[in-house]
């Protein structure tokens, strides 16, 4: 069985004792292992886990989808409270991230560096393309760009030795789980493009994608991109979709209204999925 628990998302589900904030954090359980996927921005994900009666101290791996604060900023708090499992990131994870607004830059980075891992004696592994954590569980990065219209906003930049450059999100990774019905993808923000990510996974594993959960970053998509995305996603044959966080109200609405597409659910804070 695959168990997916939404420790934190932008909105609350029915359990009003939990906290919501702009961010994302999942706890994934499969094959007797536990993977913490993203840590949101602060303490709320850890505090919610306690209220949901799940332990984080015994997680086997921590996977951070990319280094934006709303996915990785809560990691130092997790590490301070006993989460010392190996950390999996994509390449260039520790480059500084910003949002550009004219001559002004807003810091969007994770807020920690390699020194934290060294101090806590936490192993750090970098996924360039494919990495198998254990049989049936993989981390995937280095996504191909199949669809040119899926581009990250130009305002996202990273600080390099050569100065500020547009962020191509080479650090973005996702989790891929094998199930009898097909592949299950857990994604963070899908900055390389949700369709590009799904197509890359389908090509590499030679199997259909059965389910996708997490952020699709369609919140800034225009009408043309939304229409094309829904059309292609339907054609991919994905059966179960649980987008949230950065998906946006319009994309959420379209998914809910499209009766011919996959079963859709907005995974809010406290929502869980149990896949046999």
C-alpha atoms as a PDB file:
ATOM      1  CA  UNK A   1       0.000   0.000   0.000  1.00  0.00           C
ATOM      2  CA  UNK A   2       1.048   3.584  -0.674  1.00  0.00           C
ATOM      3  CA  UNK A   3      -0.023   6.112   1.946  1.00  0.00           C
ATOM      4  CA  UNK A   4       0.259   9.825   1.186  1.00  0.00           C
ATOM      5  CA  UNK A   5      -0.379  12.281   4.018  1.00  0.00           C
ATOM      6  CA  UNK A   6      -0.605  16.011   3.329  1.00  0.00           C
ATOM      7  CA  UNK A   7       1.232  17.476   6.301  1.00  0.00           C
ATOM      8  CA  UNK A   8       0.870  20.981   4.950  1.00  0.00           C
ATOM      9  CA  UNK A   9      -0.676  22.847   2.034  1.00  0.00           C
ATOM     10  CA  UNK A  10      -2.035  26.360   1.495  1.00  0.00           C
ATOM     11  CA  UNK A  11      -5.521  25.466   2.740  1.00  0.00           C
ATOM     12  CA  UNK A  12      -7.018  23.482   5.600  1.00  0.00           C
ATOM     13  CA  UNK A  13      -9.198  20.433   5.107  1.00  0.00           C
ATOM     14  CA  UNK A  14     -11.737  19.342   7.743  1.00  0.00           C
ATOM     15  CA  UNK A  15      -9.341  19.153  10.709  1.00  0.00           C
ATOM     16  CA  UNK A  16      -9.300  22.748  11.929  1.00  0.00           C
ATOM     17  CA  UNK A  17      -6.782  21.943  14.685  1.00  0.00           C
ATOM     18  CA  UNK A  18      -4.078  21.833  12.011  1.00  0.00           C
ATOM     19  CA  UNK A  19      -2.331  24.849  10.504  1.00  0.00           C
ATOM     20  CA  UNK A  20      -2.083  25.907   6.883  1.00  0.00           C
ATOM     21  CA  UNK A  21       0.416  28.212   5.211  1.00  0.00           C
ATOM     22  CA  UNK A  22       1.749  28.872   1.737  1.00  0.00           C
ATOM     23  CA  UNK A  23       3.846  25.779   1.143  1.00  0.00           C
ATOM     24  CA  UNK A  24       3.851  22.024   0.728  1.00  0.00           C
ATOM     25  CA  UNK A  25       4.868  18.947   2.693  1.00  0.00           C
ATOM     26  CA  UNK A  26       3.932  15.289   2.240  1.00  0.00           C
ATOM     27  CA  UNK A  27       4.719  12.153   4.212  1.00  0.00           C
ATOM     28  CA  UNK A  28       4.862   9.083   1.970  1.00  0.00           C
ATOM     29  CA  UNK A  29       4.772   5.526   3.320  1.00  0.00           C
ATOM     30  CA  UNK A  30       5.411   2.503   1.105  1.00  0.00           C
ATOM     31  CA  UNK A  31       7.166  -0.869   1.340  1.00  0.00           C
ATOM     32  CA  UNK A  32       7.730  -0.341   5.061  1.00  0.00           C
ATOM     33  CA  UNK A  33       9.654   2.901   4.405  1.00  0.00           C
ATOM     34  CA  UNK A  34       8.828   6.540   5.101  1.00  0.00           C
ATOM     35  CA  UNK A  35       9.806   9.481   2.898  1.00  0.00           C
ATOM     36  CA  UNK A  36       9.344  13.097   3.923  1.00  0.00           C
ATOM     37  CA  UNK A  37       8.759  14.979   0.669  1.00  0.00           C
ATOM     38  CA  UNK A  38       9.230  18.733   1.112  1.00  0.00           C
ATOM     39  CA  UNK A  39       9.114  20.512   4.453  1.00  0.00           C
ATOM     40  CA  UNK A  40       7.140  23.690   3.696  1.00  0.00           C
ATOM     41  CA  UNK A  41       8.336  27.059   5.002  1.00  0.00           C
ATOM     42  CA  UNK A  42       8.428  26.826   8.789  1.00  0.00           C
ATOM     43  CA  UNK A  43       7.358  24.800  11.812  1.00  0.00           C
ATOM     44  CA  UNK A  44       3.769  24.092  10.820  1.00  0.00           C
ATOM     45  CA  UNK A  45       4.396  20.859   8.872  1.00  0.00           C
ATOM     46  CA  UNK A  46       6.209  19.283  11.816  1.00  0.00           C
ATOM     47  CA  UNK A  47       3.558  20.464  14.260  1.00  0.00           C
ATOM     48  CA  UNK A  48       0.785  19.122  12.029  1.00  0.00           C
ATOM     49  CA  UNK A  49       2.499  15.736  11.823  1.00  0.00           C
ATOM     50  CA  UNK A  50       2.378  15.510  15.606  1.00  0.00           C
ATOM     51  CA  UNK A  51      -1.330  16.371  15.623  1.00  0.00           C
ATOM     52  CA  UNK A  52      -1.893  13.729  12.930  1.00  0.00           C
ATOM     53  CA  UNK A  53      -0.161  11.191  15.198  1.00  0.00           C
ATOM     54  CA  UNK A  54       2.658  10.385  12.793  1.00  0.00           C
ATOM     55  CA  UNK A  55       6.349  10.346  13.692  1.00  0.00           C
ATOM     56  CA  UNK A  56       8.937  12.105  11.569  1.00  0.00           C
ATOM     57  CA  UNK A  57      12.003  11.072  13.569  1.00  0.00           C
ATOM     58  CA  UNK A  58      11.959   7.634  11.942  1.00  0.00           C
ATOM     59  CA  UNK A  59      11.692   8.748   8.308  1.00  0.00           C
ATOM     60  CA  UNK A  60      14.112   6.897   6.023  1.00  0.00           C
ATOM     61  CA  UNK A  61      14.673   9.711   3.527  1.00  0.00           C
ATOM     62  CA  UNK A  62      13.971  13.420   3.099  1.00  0.00           C
ATOM     63  CA  UNK A  63      13.418  14.584  -0.488  1.00  0.00           C
ATOM     64  CA  UNK A  64      13.299  18.318  -1.241  1.00  0.00           C
ATOM     65  CA  UNK A  65      11.732  19.009  -4.645  1.00  0.00           C
ATOM     66  CA  UNK A  66      13.633  22.298  -5.073  1.00  0.00           C
ATOM     67  CA  UNK A  67      15.148  25.006  -2.914  1.00  0.00           C
ATOM     68  CA  UNK A  68      12.369  27.605  -2.768  1.00  0.00           C
ATOM     69  CA  UNK A  69      11.512  28.566   0.806  1.00  0.00           C
ATOM     70  CA  UNK A  70       7.937  27.252   0.695  1.00  0.00           C
ATOM     71  CA  UNK A  71       9.213  23.717   0.061  1.00  0.00           C
ATOM     72  CA  UNK A  72      12.596  23.656   1.795  1.00  0.00           C
ATOM     73  CA  UNK A  73      12.526  26.461   4.382  1.00  0.00           C
ATOM     74  CA  UNK A  74      11.114  24.194   7.080  1.00  0.00           C
ATOM     75  CA  UNK A  75      13.973  21.706   6.815  1.00  0.00           C
ATOM     76  CA  UNK A  76      16.218  23.287   9.513  1.00  0.00           C
ATOM     77  CA  UNK A  77      13.322  23.020  11.991  1.00  0.00           C
ATOM     78  CA  UNK A  78      12.862  19.360  11.039  1.00  0.00           C
ATOM     79  CA  UNK A  79      16.589  18.712  11.526  1.00  0.00           C
ATOM     80  CA  UNK A  80      16.516  20.496  14.896  1.00  0.00           C
ATOM     81  CA  UNK A  81      13.767  18.127  16.032  1.00  0.00           C
ATOM     82  CA  UNK A  82      15.381  14.817  15.180  1.00  0.00           C
ATOM     83  CA  UNK A  83      14.907  14.362  11.427  1.00  0.00           C
ATOM     84  CA  UNK A  84      18.400  13.181  10.449  1.00  0.00           C
ATOM     85  CA  UNK A  85      17.634  10.849   7.511  1.00  0.00           C
ATOM     86  CA  UNK A  86      19.675  11.206   4.297  1.00  0.00           C
ATOM     87  CA  UNK A  87      18.705  14.324   2.342  1.00  0.00           C
ATOM     88  CA  UNK A  88      18.052  14.002  -1.389  1.00  0.00           C
ATOM     89  CA  UNK A  89      18.142  17.116  -3.579  1.00  0.00           C
ATOM     90  CA  UNK A  90      18.716  17.999  -7.198  1.00  0.00           C
ATOM     91  CA  UNK A  91      21.932  19.631  -8.474  1.00  0.00           C
ATOM     92  CA  UNK A  92      22.669  23.297  -7.735  1.00  0.00           C
ATOM     93  CA  UNK A  93      20.253  23.123  -4.802  1.00  0.00           C
ATOM     94  CA  UNK A  94      22.275  25.582  -2.714  1.00  0.00           C
ATOM     95  CA  UNK A  95      22.428  28.358  -5.295  1.00  0.00           C
ATOM     96  CA  UNK A  96      20.591  31.433  -4.049  1.00  0.00           C
ATOM     97  CA  UNK A  97      17.075  31.864  -5.462  1.00  0.00           C
ATOM     98  CA  UNK A  98      15.303  35.165  -6.035  1.00  0.00           C
ATOM     99  CA  UNK A  99      12.231  36.699  -7.648  1.00  0.00           C
ATOM    100  CA  UNK A 100      13.056  39.749  -9.783  1.00  0.00           C
ATOM    101  CA  UNK A 101      10.861  42.832  -9.878  1.00  0.00           C
ATOM    102  CA  UNK A 102      12.652  45.484 -11.918  1.00  0.00           C
ATOM    103  CA  UNK A 103      15.778  46.357  -9.962  1.00  0.00           C
ATOM    104  CA  UNK A 104      14.478  44.691  -6.802  1.00  0.00           C
ATOM    105  CA  UNK A 105      15.109  41.066  -5.862  1.00  0.00           C
ATOM    106  CA  UNK A 106      13.156  39.113  -3.247  1.00  0.00           C
ATOM    107  CA  UNK A 107      15.005  36.197  -1.634  1.00  0.00           C
ATOM    108  CA  UNK A 108      13.158  32.892  -2.165  1.00  0.00           C
ATOM    109  CA  UNK A 109      15.857  30.425  -1.115  1.00  0.00           C
ATOM    110  CA  UNK A 110      15.826  27.617   1.423  1.00  0.00           C
ATOM    111  CA  UNK A 111      17.654  29.591   4.115  1.00  0.00           C
ATOM    112  CA  UNK A 112      20.334  27.010   4.958  1.00  0.00           C
ATOM    113  CA  UNK A 113      23.526  25.601   3.473  1.00  0.00           C
ATOM    114  CA  UNK A 114      25.799  22.579   3.544  1.00  0.00           C
ATOM    115  CA  UNK A 115      27.144  23.623   6.950  1.00  0.00           C
ATOM    116  CA  UNK A 116      23.838  22.592   8.566  1.00  0.00           C
ATOM    117  CA  UNK A 117      24.144  19.103   7.107  1.00  0.00           C
ATOM    118  CA  UNK A 118      27.760  18.860   8.246  1.00  0.00           C
ATOM    119  CA  UNK A 119      26.876  20.001  11.763  1.00  0.00           C
ATOM    120  CA  UNK A 120      24.025  17.477  12.045  1.00  0.00           C
ATOM    121  CA  UNK A 121      26.077  14.753  10.294  1.00  0.00           C
ATOM    122  CA  UNK A 122      23.336  14.312   7.693  1.00  0.00           C
ATOM    123  CA  UNK A 123      24.206  12.498   4.473  1.00  0.00           C
ATOM    124  CA  UNK A 124      23.454  14.473   1.312  1.00  0.00           C
ATOM    125  CA  UNK A 125      22.806  12.747  -2.031  1.00  0.00           C
ATOM    126  CA  UNK A 126      22.284  14.581  -5.326  1.00  0.00           C
ATOM    127  CA  UNK A 127      19.922  13.213  -7.977  1.00  0.00           C
ATOM    128  CA  UNK A 128      21.054  14.285 -11.443  1.00  0.00           C
ATOM    129  CA  UNK A 129      18.635  12.159 -13.477  1.00  0.00           C
ATOM    130  CA  UNK A 130      17.442   8.938 -11.799  1.00  0.00           C
ATOM    131  CA  UNK A 131      18.089   7.565  -8.312  1.00  0.00           C
ATOM    132  CA  UNK A 132      16.555   4.441  -6.774  1.00  0.00           C
ATOM    133  CA  UNK A 133      16.028   4.776  -3.023  1.00  0.00           C
ATOM    134  CA  UNK A 134      14.766   1.197  -2.686  1.00  0.00           C
ATOM    135  CA  UNK A 135      12.905  -1.229  -4.974  1.00  0.00           C
ATOM    136  CA  UNK A 136       9.784   0.498  -6.297  1.00  0.00           C
ATOM    137  CA  UNK A 137      10.767   3.984  -5.107  1.00  0.00           C
ATOM    138  CA  UNK A 138      12.768   6.437  -7.217  1.00  0.00           C
ATOM    139  CA  UNK A 139      13.807  10.089  -7.346  1.00  0.00           C
ATOM    140  CA  UNK A 140      13.787  11.664 -10.812  1.00  0.00           C
ATOM    141  CA  UNK A 141      15.284  14.914 -12.117  1.00  0.00           C
ATOM    142  CA  UNK A 142      16.828  16.375 -15.263  1.00  0.00           C
ATOM    143  CA  UNK A 143      13.484  16.607 -17.032  1.00  0.00           C
ATOM    144  CA  UNK A 144      13.330  16.938 -20.810  1.00  0.00           C
ATOM    145  CA  UNK A 145      11.410  19.868 -22.300  1.00  0.00           C
ATOM    146  CA  UNK A 146       8.830  18.204 -24.548  1.00  0.00           C
ATOM    147  CA  UNK A 147       6.397  21.143 -24.495  1.00  0.00           C
ATOM    148  CA  UNK A 148       7.888  24.566 -25.242  1.00  0.00           C
ATOM    149  CA  UNK A 149       4.872  26.424 -23.852  1.00  0.00           C
ATOM    150  CA  UNK A 150       5.704  25.137 -20.373  1.00  0.00           C
ATOM    151  CA  UNK A 151       8.157  27.779 -19.235  1.00  0.00           C
ATOM    152  CA  UNK A 152       8.882  29.071 -15.753  1.00  0.00           C
ATOM    153  CA  UNK A 153       8.163  32.796 -15.268  1.00  0.00           C
ATOM    154  CA  UNK A 154      11.161  34.971 -16.162  1.00  0.00           C
ATOM    155  CA  UNK A 155      10.958  36.637 -12.753  1.00  0.00           C
ATOM    156  CA  UNK A 156      12.470  33.527 -11.140  1.00  0.00           C
ATOM    157  CA  UNK A 157      16.258  33.917 -11.092  1.00  0.00           C
ATOM    158  CA  UNK A 158      19.262  32.418  -9.333  1.00  0.00           C
ATOM    159  CA  UNK A 159      22.518  34.012  -8.236  1.00  0.00           C
ATOM    160  CA  UNK A 160      25.606  32.549  -9.899  1.00  0.00           C
ATOM    161  CA  UNK A 161      29.264  33.529 -10.222  1.00  0.00           C
ATOM    162  CA  UNK A 162      28.287  35.117 -13.531  1.00  0.00           C
ATOM    163  CA  UNK A 163      25.532  37.146 -11.865  1.00  0.00           C
ATOM    164  CA  UNK A 164      21.752  36.779 -11.900  1.00  0.00           C
ATOM    165  CA  UNK A 165      20.407  34.364 -14.520  1.00  0.00           C
ATOM    166  CA  UNK A 166      16.936  33.039 -15.246  1.00  0.00           C
ATOM    167  CA  UNK A 167      16.220  29.937 -13.198  1.00  0.00           C
ATOM    168  CA  UNK A 168      15.882  26.815 -15.340  1.00  0.00           C
ATOM    169  CA  UNK A 169      15.123  24.771 -12.204  1.00  0.00           C
ATOM    170  CA  UNK A 170      17.714  22.077 -12.781  1.00  0.00           C
ATOM    171  CA  UNK A 171      17.394  21.404  -9.048  1.00  0.00           C
ATOM    172  CA  UNK A 172      13.765  20.267  -9.404  1.00  0.00           C
ATOM    173  CA  UNK A 173      13.171  16.593  -8.621  1.00  0.00           C
ATOM    174  CA  UNK A 174      10.134  14.431  -7.943  1.00  0.00           C
ATOM    175  CA  UNK A 175       9.310  11.104  -6.328  1.00  0.00           C
ATOM    176  CA  UNK A 176       8.161   8.162  -8.477  1.00  0.00           C
ATOM    177  CA  UNK A 177       6.548   5.087  -6.895  1.00  0.00           C
ATOM    178  CA  UNK A 178       5.747   1.860  -8.690  1.00  0.00           C
ATOM    179  CA  UNK A 179       2.300   0.338  -8.256  1.00  0.00           C
ATOM    180  CA  UNK A 180       0.333  -2.417  -9.990  1.00  0.00           C
ATOM    181  CA  UNK A 181      -1.867   0.205 -11.674  1.00  0.00           C
ATOM    182  CA  UNK A 182       1.062   2.258 -12.953  1.00  0.00           C
ATOM    183  CA  UNK A 183       3.496   4.901 -11.743  1.00  0.00           C
ATOM    184  CA  UNK A 184       2.631   7.355  -8.965  1.00  0.00           C
ATOM    185  CA  UNK A 185       4.328  10.771  -9.068  1.00  0.00           C
ATOM    186  CA  UNK A 186       4.749  13.106  -6.100  1.00  0.00           C
ATOM    187  CA  UNK A 187       5.731  16.591  -7.294  1.00  0.00           C
ATOM    188  CA  UNK A 188       6.617  19.861  -5.598  1.00  0.00           C
ATOM    189  CA  UNK A 189       6.019  22.879  -7.849  1.00  0.00           C
ATOM    190  CA  UNK A 190       6.616  21.391 -11.294  1.00  0.00           C
ATOM    191  CA  UNK A 191       8.574  24.444 -12.471  1.00  0.00           C
ATOM    192  CA  UNK A 192       9.973  22.503 -15.481  1.00  0.00           C
ATOM    193  CA  UNK A 193       6.326  21.958 -16.500  1.00  0.00           C
ATOM    194  CA  UNK A 194       3.965  19.303 -15.191  1.00  0.00           C
ATOM    195  CA  UNK A 195       3.518  17.797 -18.676  1.00  0.00           C
ATOM    196  CA  UNK A 196       7.284  17.745 -19.263  1.00  0.00           C
ATOM    197  CA  UNK A 197       7.745  15.940 -15.962  1.00  0.00           C
ATOM    198  CA  UNK A 198       5.047  13.343 -16.621  1.00  0.00           C
ATOM    199  CA  UNK A 199       6.328  12.699 -20.152  1.00  0.00           C
ATOM    200  CA  UNK A 200       9.918  12.343 -18.894  1.00  0.00           C
ATOM    201  CA  UNK A 201       8.841   9.785 -16.298  1.00  0.00           C
ATOM    202  CA  UNK A 202       6.749   7.828 -18.821  1.00  0.00           C
ATOM    203  CA  UNK A 203       9.672   7.707 -21.247  1.00  0.00           C
ATOM    204  CA  UNK A 204      12.302   6.651 -18.718  1.00  0.00           C
ATOM    205  CA  UNK A 205      10.291   3.937 -17.020  1.00  0.00           C
ATOM    206  CA  UNK A 206       8.402   2.725 -20.074  1.00  0.00           C
ATOM    207  CA  UNK A 207       5.191   2.582 -18.056  1.00  0.00           C
ATOM    208  CA  UNK A 208       2.055   4.752 -17.835  1.00  0.00           C
ATOM    209  CA  UNK A 209       1.638   7.277 -15.044  1.00  0.00           C
ATOM    210  CA  UNK A 210      -1.391   6.286 -12.979  1.00  0.00           C
ATOM    211  CA  UNK A 211      -1.514   9.136 -10.458  1.00  0.00           C
ATOM    212  CA  UNK A 212       0.047  12.565  -9.842  1.00  0.00           C
ATOM    213  CA  UNK A 213      -0.050  14.500  -6.568  1.00  0.00           C
ATOM    214  CA  UNK A 214       1.370  17.904  -5.611  1.00  0.00           C
ATOM    215  CA  UNK A 215       1.883  21.357  -7.083  1.00  0.00           C
ATOM    216  CA  UNK A 216       1.516  21.947 -10.832  1.00  0.00           C
ATOM    217  CA  UNK A 217       2.378  25.679 -10.911  1.00  0.00           C
ATOM    218  CA  UNK A 218      -0.507  26.501 -13.217  1.00  0.00           C
ATOM    219  CA  UNK A 219      -1.411  29.479 -11.046  1.00  0.00           C
ATOM    220  CA  UNK A 220       0.239  31.870 -13.548  1.00  0.00           C
ATOM    221  CA  UNK A 221      -0.821  30.006 -16.701  1.00  0.00           C
ATOM    222  CA  UNK A 222      -2.807  31.957 -19.271  1.00  0.00           C
ATOM    223  CA  UNK A 223      -5.970  30.732 -20.982  1.00  0.00           C
ATOM    224  CA  UNK A 224      -4.136  29.090 -23.879  1.00  0.00           C
ATOM    225  CA  UNK A 225      -1.729  27.193 -21.658  1.00  0.00           C
ATOM    226  CA  UNK A 226      -4.470  25.991 -19.325  1.00  0.00           C
ATOM    227  CA  UNK A 227      -6.568  24.714 -22.224  1.00  0.00           C
ATOM    228  CA  UNK A 228      -3.644  22.918 -23.840  1.00  0.00           C
ATOM    229  CA  UNK A 229      -2.475  21.457 -20.523  1.00  0.00           C
ATOM    230  CA  UNK A 230      -5.891  19.993 -19.742  1.00  0.00           C
ATOM    231  CA  UNK A 231      -6.144  18.524 -23.239  1.00  0.00           C
ATOM    232  CA  UNK A 232      -2.715  16.859 -23.137  1.00  0.00           C
ATOM    233  CA  UNK A 233      -3.089  15.683 -19.540  1.00  0.00           C
ATOM    234  CA  UNK A 234      -6.331  13.946 -20.490  1.00  0.00           C
ATOM    235  CA  UNK A 235      -4.629  12.267 -23.430  1.00  0.00           C
ATOM    236  CA  UNK A 236      -1.859  10.931 -21.189  1.00  0.00           C
ATOM    237  CA  UNK A 237      -4.371   8.683 -19.449  1.00  0.00           C
ATOM    238  CA  UNK A 238      -3.574   9.733 -15.893  1.00  0.00           C
ATOM    239  CA  UNK A 239      -6.345   8.230 -13.744  1.00  0.00           C
ATOM    240  CA  UNK A 240      -5.938  10.018 -10.421  1.00  0.00           C
ATOM    241  CA  UNK A 241      -4.862  13.640  -9.935  1.00  0.00           C
ATOM    242  CA  UNK A 242      -4.412  15.487  -6.655  1.00  0.00           C
ATOM    243  CA  UNK A 243      -3.021  18.918  -7.490  1.00  0.00           C
ATOM    244  CA  UNK A 244      -2.646  21.585  -4.812  1.00  0.00           C
ATOM    245  CA  UNK A 245      -0.417  24.418  -3.531  1.00  0.00           C
ATOM    246  CA  UNK A 246       0.646  26.409  -6.641  1.00  0.00           C
ATOM    247  CA  UNK A 247      -1.989  25.025  -9.012  1.00  0.00           C
ATOM    248  CA  UNK A 248      -4.281  28.051  -8.836  1.00  0.00           C
ATOM    249  CA  UNK A 249      -8.047  28.448  -8.536  1.00  0.00           C
ATOM    250  CA  UNK A 250      -8.792  28.469 -12.262  1.00  0.00           C
ATOM    251  CA  UNK A 251      -6.893  25.249 -12.930  1.00  0.00           C
ATOM    252  CA  UNK A 252      -8.495  23.643  -9.879  1.00  0.00           C
ATOM    253  CA  UNK A 253     -11.927  24.631 -11.154  1.00  0.00           C
ATOM    254  CA  UNK A 254     -11.275  23.213 -14.618  1.00  0.00           C
ATOM    255  CA  UNK A 255     -10.075  19.915 -13.209  1.00  0.00           C
ATOM    256  CA  UNK A 256     -13.147  19.612 -10.991  1.00  0.00           C
ATOM    257  CA  UNK A 257     -15.564  20.425 -13.826  1.00  0.00           C
ATOM    258  CA  UNK A 258     -14.034  18.089 -16.431  1.00  0.00           C
ATOM    259  CA  UNK A 259     -16.035  14.917 -15.857  1.00  0.00           C
ATOM    260  CA  UNK A 260     -14.282  13.090 -18.705  1.00  0.00           C
ATOM    261  CA  UNK A 261     -10.813  13.598 -17.240  1.00  0.00           C
ATOM    262  CA  UNK A 262      -9.136  11.844 -14.325  1.00  0.00           C
ATOM    263  CA  UNK A 263     -10.650  11.710 -10.860  1.00  0.00           C
ATOM    264  CA  UNK A 264      -9.556  14.971  -9.258  1.00  0.00           C
ATOM    265  CA  UNK A 265      -9.163  16.090  -5.672  1.00  0.00           C
ATOM    266  CA  UNK A 266      -7.506  19.151  -4.147  1.00  0.00           C
ATOM    267  CA  UNK A 267      -5.265  17.727  -1.416  1.00  0.00           C
ATOM    268  CA  UNK A 268      -5.479  20.165   1.464  1.00  0.00           C
ATOM    269  CA  UNK A 269      -3.694  20.129   4.820  1.00  0.00           C
ATOM    270  CA  UNK A 270      -4.645  16.915   6.632  1.00  0.00           C
ATOM    271  CA  UNK A 271      -5.952  15.081   3.528  1.00  0.00           C
ATOM    272  CA  UNK A 272      -4.640  11.559   2.966  1.00  0.00           C
ATOM    273  CA  UNK A 273      -4.575   9.116   0.051  1.00  0.00           C
ATOM    274  CA  UNK A 274      -4.448   5.309   0.483  1.00  0.00           C
ATOM    275  CA  UNK A 275      -3.529   3.404  -2.683  1.00  0.00           C
ATOM    276  CA  UNK A 276      -3.632  -0.392  -2.672  1.00  0.00           C
END
